[in-house]
Amino acid sequence: MDEKNINGCLGTGATEEDRLLTWEMISELPELEKQDQKIFEYNQGNSPDCTIYSALGALSDLFNRELTQEQIDEVIEESFNRGRVRGQGWFTQNAVDLACDKWMEWYPNEKVAYYRIWNTNDFAIKDVIEKNYSLCTSFNGNSAYTKDRKEDGKIDNDNFWTWTRGHAVCLIGREGKKFVKDNYKGRTENGYYTNIYEVVPEISTLRRNGCRQNSSYLIVKIEDDKEKDVKRLNEMKNLIDKIETAINITMPLNSDMWEKTHDEEYQKQLHLVNESLRKLREMNKGKKKDIERELGKYFKE
């Protein structure tokens, strides 16, 4: 199977239960020790296993530890027990979830959790990779993308015609720039070393033009004995998200109805409903920020 034609990433695979990383949490995220001299690279070879290599590569960067091929193969084999079809790629979220479970199985004292970041949020992505974290991310590629990379060892363009494959990688930051850490260790093209190559355009621009997929995933260390607390707080945050969504849907409908009647009593009641919804939304936003700050405190220093 040629690397150009591997559809190893079938999509982000995001779910409603994903924990979303927010500004309040990013501010609490501890900076990792710089690892410029040691970037963990693995080689997926002739396989559609890129989502798993992306997740394990991010975990290696997080803990500054190289995995054995036996460990990698163990995760790949387990993916087929979780619904992945042999000979096919997988979804980023599924691979990250599995990789985190296996890591905590191998290293019981090293607890991790993962969070989703929208690929439209350049500032959040910039803040995370500048703290030396590796983002599990994915893109839609084609021969034009490969050609652009080969020309000078970086992605300069921000628009490519119809994609032919999905590929999962790690996004890392070095000296204020964005780089892709690919899963083909030692690859060189036209004299450039391109297993790690720069991405010049903003991620949001690539997402808007269909090259980047919807979301990326960040894996973080959490306090050893706080797993239940983290789960509970995330469930509360997700519940508030759903309430906020319901309120935001309801308020425009009420606003439209405002113009449909001149009945004073009806408008009075409608005003009271809108005011209650507004107060509830503000209360939920405040509570959600409190929860997010509390969640951020569980990240390991």
Protein backbone atom coordinates (compact mmCIF):
# COMPACT_ATOMS: atom_id res chain seq x y z
CA MET A 1 0.00 0.00 0.00
CA ASP A 2 1.53 3.31 -1.06
CA GLU A 3 1.61 6.08 1.57
CA LYS A 4 -0.09 8.46 -0.82
CA ASN A 5 -3.20 6.29 -1.01
CA ILE A 6 -3.62 5.30 2.64
CA ASN A 7 -6.98 6.37 4.05
CA GLY A 8 -5.84 5.67 7.57
CA CYS A 9 -7.99 8.30 9.28
CA LEU A 10 -11.69 7.86 8.61
CA GLY A 11 -12.55 11.09 10.44
CA THR A 12 -12.37 12.77 13.83
CA GLY A 13 -15.03 10.50 15.32
CA ALA A 14 -16.02 13.17 17.85
CA THR A 15 -18.78 12.35 20.32
CA GLU A 16 -21.03 14.42 22.57
CA GLU A 17 -19.24 12.94 25.56
CA ASP A 18 -15.86 14.36 24.51
CA ARG A 19 -14.36 16.71 27.06
CA LEU A 20 -13.81 20.12 25.47
CA LEU A 21 -10.70 22.09 26.40
CA THR A 22 -11.52 25.72 27.22
CA TRP A 23 -9.60 28.92 27.92
CA GLU A 24 -9.96 28.51 31.68
CA MET A 25 -8.44 25.05 31.48
CA ILE A 26 -5.66 26.00 29.06
CA SER A 27 -4.53 28.72 31.47
CA GLU A 28 -4.10 26.03 34.14
CA LEU A 29 -2.29 23.64 31.80
CA PRO A 30 1.30 23.24 33.06
CA GLU A 31 4.08 23.76 30.53
CA LEU A 32 5.94 20.61 29.60
CA GLU A 33 9.71 20.49 29.62
CA LYS A 34 11.04 21.31 26.18
CA GLN A 35 12.01 18.24 24.20
CA ASP A 36 13.64 19.82 21.15
CA GLN A 37 16.54 17.37 21.34
CA LYS A 38 14.27 14.35 21.63
CA ILE A 39 11.19 14.06 19.45
CA PHE A 40 9.69 10.58 19.58
CA GLU A 41 9.13 9.21 16.10
CA TYR A 42 7.55 5.96 15.04
CA ASN A 43 7.03 4.42 11.62
CA GLN A 44 3.64 3.04 10.63
CA GLY A 45 5.17 1.60 7.48
CA ASN A 46 2.82 0.05 4.97
CA SER A 47 -0.29 0.14 7.16
CA PRO A 48 -3.45 2.21 7.82
CA ASP A 49 -2.60 2.53 11.55
CA CYS A 50 -1.85 6.28 11.59
CA THR A 51 -4.50 7.16 14.19
CA ILE A 52 -2.87 4.81 16.68
CA TYR A 53 0.66 6.05 15.90
CA SER A 54 -0.55 9.63 16.34
CA ALA A 55 -2.03 8.91 19.78
CA LEU A 56 0.96 6.89 21.00
CA GLY A 57 3.36 9.51 19.66
CA ALA A 58 1.58 12.19 21.70
CA LEU A 59 1.74 10.01 24.83
CA SER A 60 5.46 9.40 24.33
CA ASP A 61 6.01 13.15 24.06
CA LEU A 62 3.90 13.74 27.17
CA PHE A 63 5.89 11.33 29.36
CA ASN A 64 9.23 11.54 27.55
CA ARG A 65 9.23 7.79 27.07
CA GLU A 66 9.74 5.63 24.00
CA LEU A 67 7.41 2.69 23.46
CA THR A 68 8.45 -0.72 22.18
CA GLN A 69 7.13 -2.14 18.95
CA GLU A 70 5.49 -4.86 21.03
CA GLN A 71 3.46 -2.23 22.91
CA ILE A 72 2.45 -0.54 19.67
CA ASP A 73 1.38 -3.86 18.16
CA GLU A 74 -0.65 -4.60 21.29
CA VAL A 75 -2.66 -1.41 20.82
CA ILE A 76 -3.15 -2.09 17.11
CA GLU A 77 -4.47 -5.59 17.84
CA GLU A 78 -6.79 -4.30 20.57
CA SER A 79 -8.29 -1.78 18.12
CA PHE A 80 -9.90 -4.67 16.24
CA ASN A 81 -11.62 -5.73 19.45
CA ARG A 82 -13.12 -2.24 19.67
CA GLY A 83 -14.87 -2.28 16.34
CA ARG A 84 -12.13 -1.40 13.88
CA VAL A 85 -12.18 -3.45 10.67
CA ARG A 86 -8.95 -5.18 9.68
CA GLY A 87 -7.29 -3.55 6.69
CA GLN A 88 -9.05 -0.23 7.31
CA GLY A 89 -8.16 2.95 9.12
CA TRP A 90 -9.91 4.29 12.21
CA PHE A 91 -11.21 7.45 13.88
CA THR A 92 -8.95 9.80 15.85
CA GLN A 93 -11.16 9.81 18.94
CA ASN A 94 -11.32 6.01 19.10
CA ALA A 95 -7.54 5.70 18.81
CA VAL A 96 -6.88 8.32 21.49
CA ASP A 97 -9.37 6.68 23.85
CA LEU A 98 -7.77 3.26 23.37
CA ALA A 99 -4.20 4.55 23.64
CA CYS A 100 -4.99 6.29 26.94
CA ASP A 101 -6.59 3.12 28.34
CA LYS A 102 -3.58 1.01 27.36
CA TRP A 103 -1.11 3.55 28.77
CA MET A 104 -2.83 3.46 32.18
CA GLU A 105 -2.85 -0.33 31.98
CA TRP A 106 0.92 -0.39 31.34
CA TYR A 107 1.68 2.40 33.82
CA PRO A 108 -1.01 2.38 36.56
CA ASN A 109 0.49 5.38 38.36
CA GLU A 110 0.36 7.61 35.27
CA LYS A 111 -3.22 8.75 34.83
CA VAL A 112 -4.25 10.57 31.67
CA ALA A 113 -7.34 12.17 30.17
CA TYR A 114 -7.99 13.59 26.73
CA TYR A 115 -9.75 16.75 25.56
CA ARG A 116 -11.03 17.91 22.21
CA ILE A 117 -10.09 21.24 20.62
CA TRP A 118 -11.91 22.67 17.62
CA ASN A 119 -9.61 23.20 14.64
CA THR A 120 -11.20 26.60 14.16
CA ASN A 121 -9.59 27.89 17.35
CA ASP A 122 -6.08 28.97 16.33
CA PHE A 123 -5.36 30.75 19.60
CA ALA A 124 -6.12 27.67 21.70
CA ILE A 125 -4.03 25.45 19.42
CA LYS A 126 -1.16 27.96 19.56
CA ASP A 127 -1.27 28.12 23.36
CA VAL A 128 -1.30 24.34 23.71
CA ILE A 129 1.59 23.55 21.36
CA GLU A 130 3.64 26.45 22.77
CA LYS A 131 3.41 24.64 26.10
CA ASN A 132 5.17 21.75 24.30
CA TYR A 133 2.17 19.41 24.05
CA SER A 134 1.59 17.28 20.96
CA LEU A 135 -1.91 17.46 19.48
CA CYS A 136 -3.41 14.36 17.88
CA THR A 137 -4.78 15.82 14.68
CA SER A 138 -5.69 14.78 11.15
CA PHE A 139 -5.90 16.15 7.65
CA ASN A 140 -7.41 15.36 4.28
CA GLY A 141 -4.63 14.98 1.76
CA ASN A 142 -4.03 14.36 -1.91
CA SER A 143 -1.23 14.56 -4.47
CA ALA A 144 -1.27 18.39 -4.34
CA TYR A 145 -0.63 18.31 -0.59
CA THR A 146 2.23 15.84 -1.07
CA LYS A 147 3.68 17.96 -3.89
CA ASP A 148 3.58 21.09 -1.75
CA ARG A 149 5.38 19.30 1.08
CA LYS A 150 8.06 17.90 -1.22
CA GLU A 151 8.89 21.28 -2.79
CA ASP A 152 10.54 22.80 0.29
CA GLY A 153 9.79 20.50 3.20
CA LYS A 154 6.78 22.50 4.40
CA ILE A 155 3.11 23.16 3.68
CA ASP A 156 2.81 26.69 2.26
CA ASN A 157 -0.51 26.54 0.43
CA ASP A 158 -3.85 26.71 2.22
CA ASN A 159 -6.14 25.28 -0.45
CA PHE A 160 -6.02 21.89 -2.16
CA TRP A 161 -8.44 20.28 -4.53
CA THR A 162 -10.60 17.28 -3.64
CA TRP A 163 -8.92 15.08 -1.04
CA THR A 164 -8.26 11.40 -1.64
CA ARG A 165 -7.10 10.19 1.78
CA GLY A 166 -7.28 10.90 5.49
CA HIS A 167 -4.15 10.83 7.63
CA ALA A 168 -3.60 11.28 11.39
CA VAL A 169 -0.44 12.94 12.70
CA CYS A 170 0.80 14.99 15.67
CA LEU A 171 0.91 18.77 15.61
CA ILE A 172 3.80 20.24 17.61
CA GLY A 173 5.19 23.71 18.21
CA ARG A 174 8.82 24.79 17.97
CA GLU A 175 10.11 28.37 18.20
CA GLY A 176 6.71 29.91 17.50
CA LYS A 177 6.05 27.74 14.45
CA LYS A 178 3.72 24.79 13.80
CA PHE A 179 5.08 21.44 12.68
CA VAL A 180 3.53 18.11 11.74
CA LYS A 181 5.19 15.07 13.25
CA ASP A 182 4.30 12.36 10.75
CA ASN A 183 4.47 8.60 11.23
CA TYR A 184 7.17 7.82 8.65
CA LYS A 185 10.43 8.04 10.58
CA GLY A 186 13.44 8.97 8.49
CA ARG A 187 11.51 10.03 5.39
CA THR A 188 13.32 12.44 3.07
CA GLU A 189 11.97 14.05 -0.08
CA ASN A 190 13.94 16.20 -2.54
CA GLY A 191 16.70 16.46 0.04
CA TYR A 192 14.36 17.63 2.83
CA TYR A 193 13.72 15.61 5.96
CA THR A 194 9.92 15.52 5.92
CA ASN A 195 8.80 13.25 8.71
CA ILE A 196 8.65 16.55 10.61
CA TYR A 197 7.58 19.44 8.40
CA GLU A 198 6.35 22.97 8.98
CA VAL A 199 2.72 24.00 8.42
CA VAL A 200 2.63 27.71 7.54
CA PRO A 201 -1.13 28.48 7.12
CA GLU A 202 -3.40 28.79 10.13
CA ILE A 203 -5.12 25.54 11.08
CA SER A 204 -8.52 27.28 10.89
CA THR A 205 -7.84 28.27 7.27
CA LEU A 206 -6.92 24.71 6.35
CA ARG A 207 -10.06 23.51 8.15
CA ARG A 208 -12.24 26.01 6.31
CA ASN A 209 -10.80 24.88 2.98
CA GLY A 210 -11.45 21.22 3.78
CA CYS A 211 -7.85 20.14 4.34
CA ARG A 212 -7.89 19.87 8.14
CA GLN A 213 -10.53 17.79 9.86
CA ASN A 214 -12.91 19.25 12.47
CA SER A 215 -11.08 18.66 15.74
CA SER A 216 -7.80 17.75 17.42
CA TYR A 217 -7.25 15.88 20.69
CA LEU A 218 -4.96 16.80 23.56
CA ILE A 219 -3.80 14.18 26.08
CA VAL A 220 -2.91 15.49 29.55
CA LYS A 221 -1.65 14.08 32.83
CA ILE A 222 -4.12 14.17 35.70
CA GLU A 223 -3.70 13.65 39.42
CA ASP A 224 -3.48 9.95 40.28
CA ASP A 225 -6.39 9.85 42.71
CA LYS A 226 -8.72 12.32 41.00
CA GLU A 227 -10.14 10.28 38.09
CA LYS A 228 -13.65 10.16 39.54
CA ASP A 229 -13.61 13.89 40.26
CA VAL A 230 -12.48 14.68 36.71
CA LYS A 231 -15.23 12.47 35.27
CA ARG A 232 -17.87 14.06 37.50
CA LEU A 233 -16.79 17.61 36.65
CA ASN A 234 -16.73 16.87 32.92
CA GLU A 235 -20.23 15.40 33.12
CA MET A 236 -21.40 18.59 34.84
CA LYS A 237 -19.71 20.73 32.18
CA ASN A 238 -21.27 18.71 29.36
CA LEU A 239 -24.71 19.01 30.99
CA ILE A 240 -24.36 22.79 31.17
CA ASP A 241 -23.32 22.82 27.51
CA LYS A 242 -26.56 21.04 26.61
CA ILE A 243 -28.63 23.44 28.74
CA GLU A 244 -26.94 26.44 27.11
CA THR A 245 -27.63 25.00 23.66
CA ALA A 246 -31.31 24.54 24.52
CA ILE A 247 -31.53 28.11 25.84
CA ASN A 248 -29.83 29.54 22.75
CA ILE A 249 -32.30 27.70 20.53
CA THR A 250 -35.28 28.87 22.59
CA MET A 251 -34.43 32.57 22.81
CA PRO A 252 -34.39 33.35 19.05
CA LEU A 253 -37.76 31.61 18.68
CA ASN A 254 -39.20 33.78 21.42
CA SER A 255 -37.70 36.87 19.81
CA ASP A 256 -39.39 35.98 16.52
CA MET A 257 -42.70 35.49 18.32
CA TRP A 258 -42.31 38.93 19.90
CA GLU A 259 -43.10 40.54 16.57
CA LYS A 260 -46.13 38.35 15.87
CA THR A 261 -48.57 39.79 18.39
CA HIS A 262 -49.56 43.14 19.84
CA ASP A 263 -51.24 41.61 22.85
CA GLU A 264 -49.74 43.45 25.81
CA GLU A 265 -50.27 40.64 28.29
CA TYR A 266 -48.67 38.14 25.93
CA GLN A 267 -45.65 40.40 25.40
CA LYS A 268 -45.36 40.91 29.16
CA GLN A 269 -45.23 37.16 29.76
CA LEU A 270 -42.84 36.68 26.86
CA HIS A 271 -40.53 39.32 28.31
CA LEU A 272 -40.51 37.50 31.65
CA VAL A 273 -39.63 34.21 29.91
CA ASN A 274 -36.82 35.83 27.94
CA GLU A 275 -35.45 37.51 31.06
CA SER A 276 -35.52 34.20 32.94
CA LEU A 277 -33.73 32.44 30.11
CA ARG A 278 -31.10 35.18 29.97
CA LYS A 279 -30.44 34.94 33.70
CA LEU A 280 -30.28 31.15 33.51
CA ARG A 281 -27.78 31.32 30.65
CA GLU A 282 -25.57 33.80 32.55
CA MET A 283 -25.76 31.66 35.68
CA ASN A 284 -24.80 28.55 33.73
CA LYS A 285 -21.88 30.32 32.06
CA GLY A 286 -20.55 31.39 35.44
CA LYS A 287 -20.96 27.91 36.88
CA LYS A 288 -19.30 26.36 33.84
CA LYS A 289 -16.25 28.62 34.19
CA ASP A 290 -15.98 27.65 37.85
CA ILE A 291 -16.06 23.97 36.85
CA GLU A 292 -13.47 24.52 34.13
CA ARG A 293 -11.09 26.24 36.54
CA GLU A 294 -11.56 23.40 39.01
CA LEU A 295 -10.87 20.86 36.25
CA GLY A 296 -7.69 22.66 35.29
CA LYS A 297 -6.35 22.27 38.82
CA TYR A 298 -6.27 18.51 38.35
CA PHE A 299 -3.67 18.75 35.59
CA LYS A 300 -0.31 17.55 36.87
CA GLU A 301 2.53 19.99 37.28
